[in-house]
Amino acid sequence: MPTKAEKERRKKLHRELAQKEQEKFLNNLPIDKDIILELFDFLDSELGERDCNHDYQLTGEFLKSKNIVNEKIFDWFREQGGYCDCEILFNIEERFKK
């Protein structure tokens, strides 16, 4: 059984690793973090009033309104588990709250 000091050391290592992973995640965003945060707010509002079509219809509308046309953004969403508008909220937004 690990000692109290060993448990604390492991917790510290875990926190440091999680911090590095979070920094890497944020450094590899396909567009500005603030725009992604705006997207989350937009999707939250829109999906509160209408159903997800299980595509990127709303995300596409938002990005177009910001004059962002880059198909690689959708590749990034899929890599993060965001395969449609609602999954962007469910699977990606939480990564910004760490």
N, C-alpha and C. Protein backbone atom coordinates (compact mmCIF):
# COMPACT_ATOMS: atom_id res chain seq x y z
N MET A 1 0.84 -1.17 0.00
CA MET A 1 0.00 0.00 0.00
C MET A 1 0.90 1.24 0.00
N PRO A 2 0.58 2.21 -0.89
CA PRO A 2 1.43 3.41 -0.97
C PRO A 2 1.28 4.29 0.28
N THR A 3 2.34 4.96 0.59
CA THR A 3 2.33 5.87 1.73
C THR A 3 1.56 7.14 1.37
N LYS A 4 1.27 7.94 2.36
CA LYS A 4 0.57 9.20 2.13
C LYS A 4 1.41 10.11 1.22
N ALA A 5 2.70 10.13 1.44
CA ALA A 5 3.59 10.95 0.60
C ALA A 5 3.57 10.46 -0.85
N GLU A 6 3.54 9.15 -1.04
CA GLU A 6 3.50 8.59 -2.40
C GLU A 6 2.18 8.93 -3.07
N LYS A 7 1.09 8.86 -2.33
CA LYS A 7 -0.23 9.22 -2.89
C LYS A 7 -0.23 10.69 -3.33
N GLU A 8 0.33 11.55 -2.50
CA GLU A 8 0.40 12.97 -2.84
C GLU A 8 1.27 13.20 -4.07
N ARG A 9 2.38 12.49 -4.16
CA ARG A 9 3.27 12.60 -5.33
C ARG A 9 2.54 12.19 -6.59
N ARG A 10 1.78 11.10 -6.52
CA ARG A 10 1.02 10.62 -7.67
C ARG A 10 -0.06 11.62 -8.08
N LYS A 11 -0.74 12.20 -7.09
CA LYS A 11 -1.76 13.20 -7.39
C LYS A 11 -1.14 14.41 -8.09
N LYS A 12 0.02 14.82 -7.60
CA LYS A 12 0.71 15.97 -8.20
C LYS A 12 1.09 15.65 -9.65
N LEU A 13 1.63 14.47 -9.89
CA LEU A 13 1.99 14.07 -11.25
C LEU A 13 0.77 14.02 -12.15
N HIS A 14 -0.33 13.52 -11.63
CA HIS A 14 -1.56 13.45 -12.40
C HIS A 14 -2.05 14.85 -12.77
N ARG A 15 -2.02 15.77 -11.81
CA ARG A 15 -2.44 17.16 -12.09
C ARG A 15 -1.54 17.81 -13.13
N GLU A 16 -0.22 17.59 -13.01
CA GLU A 16 0.72 18.16 -13.98
C GLU A 16 0.48 17.60 -15.37
N LEU A 17 0.23 16.31 -15.47
CA LEU A 17 -0.05 15.69 -16.77
C LEU A 17 -1.34 16.25 -17.36
N ALA A 18 -2.37 16.36 -16.54
CA ALA A 18 -3.65 16.90 -17.00
C ALA A 18 -3.48 18.34 -17.49
N GLN A 19 -2.67 19.13 -16.78
CA GLN A 19 -2.41 20.51 -17.18
C GLN A 19 -1.70 20.57 -18.53
N LYS A 20 -0.71 19.71 -18.72
CA LYS A 20 0.02 19.67 -19.99
C LYS A 20 -0.90 19.26 -21.13
N GLU A 21 -1.77 18.29 -20.89
CA GLU A 21 -2.71 17.86 -21.91
C GLU A 21 -3.67 18.98 -22.27
N GLN A 22 -4.13 19.71 -21.26
CA GLN A 22 -5.04 20.84 -21.50
C GLN A 22 -4.34 21.93 -22.31
N GLU A 23 -3.10 22.23 -21.97
CA GLU A 23 -2.34 23.23 -22.73
C GLU A 23 -2.15 22.79 -24.18
N LYS A 24 -1.84 21.54 -24.39
CA LYS A 24 -1.67 21.02 -25.75
C LYS A 24 -2.99 21.14 -26.51
N PHE A 25 -4.08 20.77 -25.87
CA PHE A 25 -5.40 20.87 -26.49
C PHE A 25 -5.68 22.30 -26.92
N LEU A 26 -5.47 23.25 -26.03
CA LEU A 26 -5.77 24.66 -26.33
C LEU A 26 -4.82 25.23 -27.38
N ASN A 27 -3.58 24.77 -27.40
CA ASN A 27 -2.62 25.26 -28.39
C ASN A 27 -2.88 24.72 -29.79
N ASN A 28 -3.69 23.67 -29.89
CA ASN A 28 -3.97 23.07 -31.19
C ASN A 28 -5.37 23.34 -31.70
N LEU A 29 -6.02 24.38 -31.17
CA LEU A 29 -7.35 24.72 -31.64
C LEU A 29 -7.29 25.19 -33.09
N PRO A 30 -8.28 24.82 -33.89
CA PRO A 30 -8.27 25.21 -35.31
C PRO A 30 -8.65 26.67 -35.54
N ILE A 31 -9.34 27.26 -34.59
CA ILE A 31 -9.73 28.68 -34.66
C ILE A 31 -9.57 29.27 -33.26
N ASP A 32 -9.71 30.56 -33.16
CA ASP A 32 -9.53 31.27 -31.89
C ASP A 32 -10.46 30.71 -30.81
N LYS A 33 -9.92 30.56 -29.61
CA LYS A 33 -10.68 30.02 -28.48
C LYS A 33 -11.96 30.81 -28.24
N ASP A 34 -11.90 32.13 -28.32
CA ASP A 34 -13.08 32.95 -28.05
C ASP A 34 -14.19 32.67 -29.05
N ILE A 35 -13.83 32.39 -30.29
CA ILE A 35 -14.85 32.07 -31.30
C ILE A 35 -15.48 30.72 -30.98
N ILE A 36 -14.69 29.77 -30.55
CA ILE A 36 -15.25 28.46 -30.17
C ILE A 36 -16.18 28.62 -28.97
N LEU A 37 -15.80 29.45 -28.01
CA LEU A 37 -16.68 29.69 -26.86
C LEU A 37 -17.98 30.35 -27.30
N GLU A 38 -17.91 31.26 -28.26
CA GLU A 38 -19.12 31.87 -28.81
C GLU A 38 -19.97 30.81 -29.51
N LEU A 39 -19.31 29.89 -30.21
CA LEU A 39 -20.03 28.80 -30.88
C LEU A 39 -20.81 27.98 -29.86
N PHE A 40 -20.19 27.66 -28.73
CA PHE A 40 -20.89 26.90 -27.70
C PHE A 40 -22.15 27.63 -27.24
N ASP A 41 -22.03 28.94 -26.99
CA ASP A 41 -23.19 29.72 -26.57
C ASP A 41 -24.27 29.72 -27.64
N PHE A 42 -23.85 29.88 -28.90
CA PHE A 42 -24.80 29.87 -30.01
C PHE A 42 -25.52 28.53 -30.09
N LEU A 43 -24.76 27.45 -30.05
CA LEU A 43 -25.36 26.12 -30.14
C LEU A 43 -26.29 25.85 -28.96
N ASP A 44 -25.88 26.26 -27.78
CA ASP A 44 -26.72 26.06 -26.60
C ASP A 44 -28.05 26.78 -26.76
N SER A 45 -28.00 27.99 -27.25
CA SER A 45 -29.22 28.77 -27.45
C SER A 45 -30.10 28.16 -28.55
N GLU A 46 -29.49 27.85 -29.68
CA GLU A 46 -30.26 27.33 -30.81
C GLU A 46 -30.82 25.93 -30.53
N LEU A 47 -30.04 25.10 -29.90
CA LEU A 47 -30.52 23.74 -29.61
C LEU A 47 -31.54 23.72 -28.48
N GLY A 48 -31.65 24.82 -27.78
CA GLY A 48 -32.72 24.95 -26.80
C GLY A 48 -34.07 25.19 -27.44
N GLU A 49 -34.02 25.67 -28.70
CA GLU A 49 -35.25 25.98 -29.40
C GLU A 49 -35.58 25.03 -30.54
N ARG A 50 -34.60 24.31 -31.03
CA ARG A 50 -34.85 23.35 -32.11
C ARG A 50 -33.96 22.13 -31.92
N ASP A 51 -34.38 21.06 -32.57
CA ASP A 51 -33.66 19.79 -32.44
C ASP A 51 -32.40 19.78 -33.29
N CYS A 52 -31.46 18.97 -32.85
CA CYS A 52 -30.25 18.75 -33.64
C CYS A 52 -30.59 17.84 -34.82
N ASN A 53 -30.13 18.21 -36.00
CA ASN A 53 -30.34 17.38 -37.19
C ASN A 53 -29.26 16.32 -37.33
N HIS A 54 -28.38 16.26 -36.34
CA HIS A 54 -27.24 15.34 -36.33
C HIS A 54 -26.32 15.57 -37.52
N ASP A 55 -26.11 16.86 -37.77
CA ASP A 55 -25.15 17.31 -38.78
C ASP A 55 -24.55 18.62 -38.26
N TYR A 56 -23.89 19.35 -39.10
CA TYR A 56 -23.25 20.59 -38.69
C TYR A 56 -24.00 21.82 -39.21
N GLN A 57 -25.30 21.72 -39.37
CA GLN A 57 -26.07 22.83 -39.92
C GLN A 57 -25.89 24.11 -39.10
N LEU A 58 -26.10 24.03 -37.80
CA LEU A 58 -25.99 25.22 -36.95
C LEU A 58 -24.55 25.71 -36.85
N THR A 59 -23.63 24.78 -36.70
CA THR A 59 -22.22 25.16 -36.63
C THR A 59 -21.80 25.85 -37.92
N GLY A 60 -22.24 25.31 -39.04
CA GLY A 60 -21.94 25.92 -40.34
C GLY A 60 -22.50 27.33 -40.44
N GLU A 61 -23.72 27.53 -39.97
CA GLU A 61 -24.33 28.86 -39.99
C GLU A 61 -23.50 29.83 -39.15
N PHE A 62 -23.12 29.38 -37.97
CA PHE A 62 -22.33 30.24 -37.08
C PHE A 62 -21.00 30.60 -37.71
N LEU A 63 -20.28 29.61 -38.21
CA LEU A 63 -18.96 29.87 -38.81
C LEU A 63 -19.08 30.78 -40.02
N LYS A 64 -20.11 30.59 -40.81
CA LYS A 64 -20.33 31.45 -41.98
C LYS A 64 -20.57 32.89 -41.54
N SER A 65 -21.31 33.07 -40.43
CA SER A 65 -21.58 34.42 -39.93
C SER A 65 -20.29 35.11 -39.47
N LYS A 66 -19.28 34.31 -39.13
CA LYS A 66 -17.98 34.84 -38.71
C LYS A 66 -16.97 34.87 -39.86
N ASN A 67 -17.45 34.57 -41.08
CA ASN A 67 -16.61 34.52 -42.28
C ASN A 67 -15.48 33.51 -42.14
N ILE A 68 -15.78 32.39 -41.51
CA ILE A 68 -14.80 31.32 -41.35
C ILE A 68 -15.22 30.17 -42.26
N VAL A 69 -14.42 29.92 -43.26
CA VAL A 69 -14.69 28.83 -44.19
C VAL A 69 -13.45 27.96 -44.22
N ASN A 70 -13.51 26.85 -43.49
CA ASN A 70 -12.36 25.97 -43.39
C ASN A 70 -12.86 24.58 -43.02
N GLU A 71 -12.86 23.67 -43.96
CA GLU A 71 -13.36 22.32 -43.72
C GLU A 71 -12.54 21.57 -42.67
N LYS A 72 -11.30 21.99 -42.44
CA LYS A 72 -10.47 21.31 -41.44
C LYS A 72 -11.03 21.48 -40.04
N ILE A 73 -11.82 22.52 -39.83
CA ILE A 73 -12.45 22.72 -38.52
C ILE A 73 -13.36 21.54 -38.21
N PHE A 74 -14.10 21.08 -39.20
CA PHE A 74 -15.00 19.95 -38.98
C PHE A 74 -14.23 18.66 -38.73
N ASP A 75 -13.08 18.53 -39.37
CA ASP A 75 -12.21 17.37 -39.07
C ASP A 75 -11.80 17.41 -37.60
N TRP A 76 -11.43 18.60 -37.12
CA TRP A 76 -11.02 18.74 -35.73
C TRP A 76 -12.18 18.41 -34.79
N PHE A 77 -13.38 18.91 -35.10
CA PHE A 77 -14.54 18.58 -34.28
C PHE A 77 -14.73 17.07 -34.19
N ARG A 78 -14.64 16.38 -35.32
CA ARG A 78 -14.81 14.93 -35.32
C ARG A 78 -13.72 14.25 -34.49
N GLU A 79 -12.49 14.72 -34.60
CA GLU A 79 -11.39 14.15 -33.82
C GLU A 79 -11.64 14.29 -32.31
N GLN A 80 -12.37 15.31 -31.94
CA GLN A 80 -12.66 15.57 -30.52
C GLN A 80 -13.97 14.92 -30.08
N GLY A 81 -14.66 14.22 -30.98
CA GLY A 81 -15.92 13.56 -30.63
C GLY A 81 -17.15 14.38 -30.94
N GLY A 82 -16.99 15.47 -31.67
CA GLY A 82 -18.12 16.32 -32.04
C GLY A 82 -18.57 16.01 -33.45
N TYR A 83 -19.42 15.00 -33.60
CA TYR A 83 -19.84 14.55 -34.94
C TYR A 83 -21.08 15.28 -35.46
N CYS A 84 -21.64 16.14 -34.64
CA CYS A 84 -22.77 16.97 -35.05
C CYS A 84 -22.87 18.14 -34.07
N ASP A 85 -23.84 19.01 -34.29
CA ASP A 85 -23.98 20.20 -33.44
C ASP A 85 -24.13 19.85 -31.95
N CYS A 86 -25.02 18.90 -31.64
CA CYS A 86 -25.23 18.60 -30.21
C CYS A 86 -24.02 17.91 -29.59
N GLU A 87 -23.30 17.10 -30.37
CA GLU A 87 -22.13 16.43 -29.83
C GLU A 87 -20.96 17.40 -29.61
N ILE A 88 -20.95 18.49 -30.37
CA ILE A 88 -19.95 19.53 -30.10
C ILE A 88 -20.15 20.04 -28.67
N LEU A 89 -21.41 20.29 -28.30
CA LEU A 89 -21.68 20.74 -26.94
C LEU A 89 -21.38 19.66 -25.91
N PHE A 90 -21.84 18.45 -26.16
CA PHE A 90 -21.70 17.38 -25.17
C PHE A 90 -20.27 16.90 -25.00
N ASN A 91 -19.51 16.85 -26.09
CA ASN A 91 -18.20 16.21 -26.03
C ASN A 91 -17.01 17.16 -26.07
N ILE A 92 -17.22 18.36 -26.56
CA ILE A 92 -16.07 19.27 -26.69
C ILE A 92 -16.14 20.40 -25.67
N GLU A 93 -17.31 20.94 -25.44
CA GLU A 93 -17.42 22.08 -24.53
C GLU A 93 -16.81 21.77 -23.17
N GLU A 94 -17.01 20.56 -22.68
CA GLU A 94 -16.49 20.21 -21.35
C GLU A 94 -14.97 20.29 -21.27
N ARG A 95 -14.29 20.15 -22.39
CA ARG A 95 -12.83 20.24 -22.38
C ARG A 95 -12.34 21.66 -22.11
N PHE A 96 -13.21 22.64 -22.29
CA PHE A 96 -12.85 24.04 -22.04
C PHE A 96 -13.10 24.44 -20.59
N LYS A 97 -13.74 23.58 -19.82
CA LYS A 97 -14.10 23.92 -18.45
C LYS A 97 -13.10 23.38 -17.44
N LYS A 98 -12.04 22.78 -17.88
CA LYS A 98 -11.05 22.20 -16.98
C LYS A 98 -10.15 23.27 -16.41
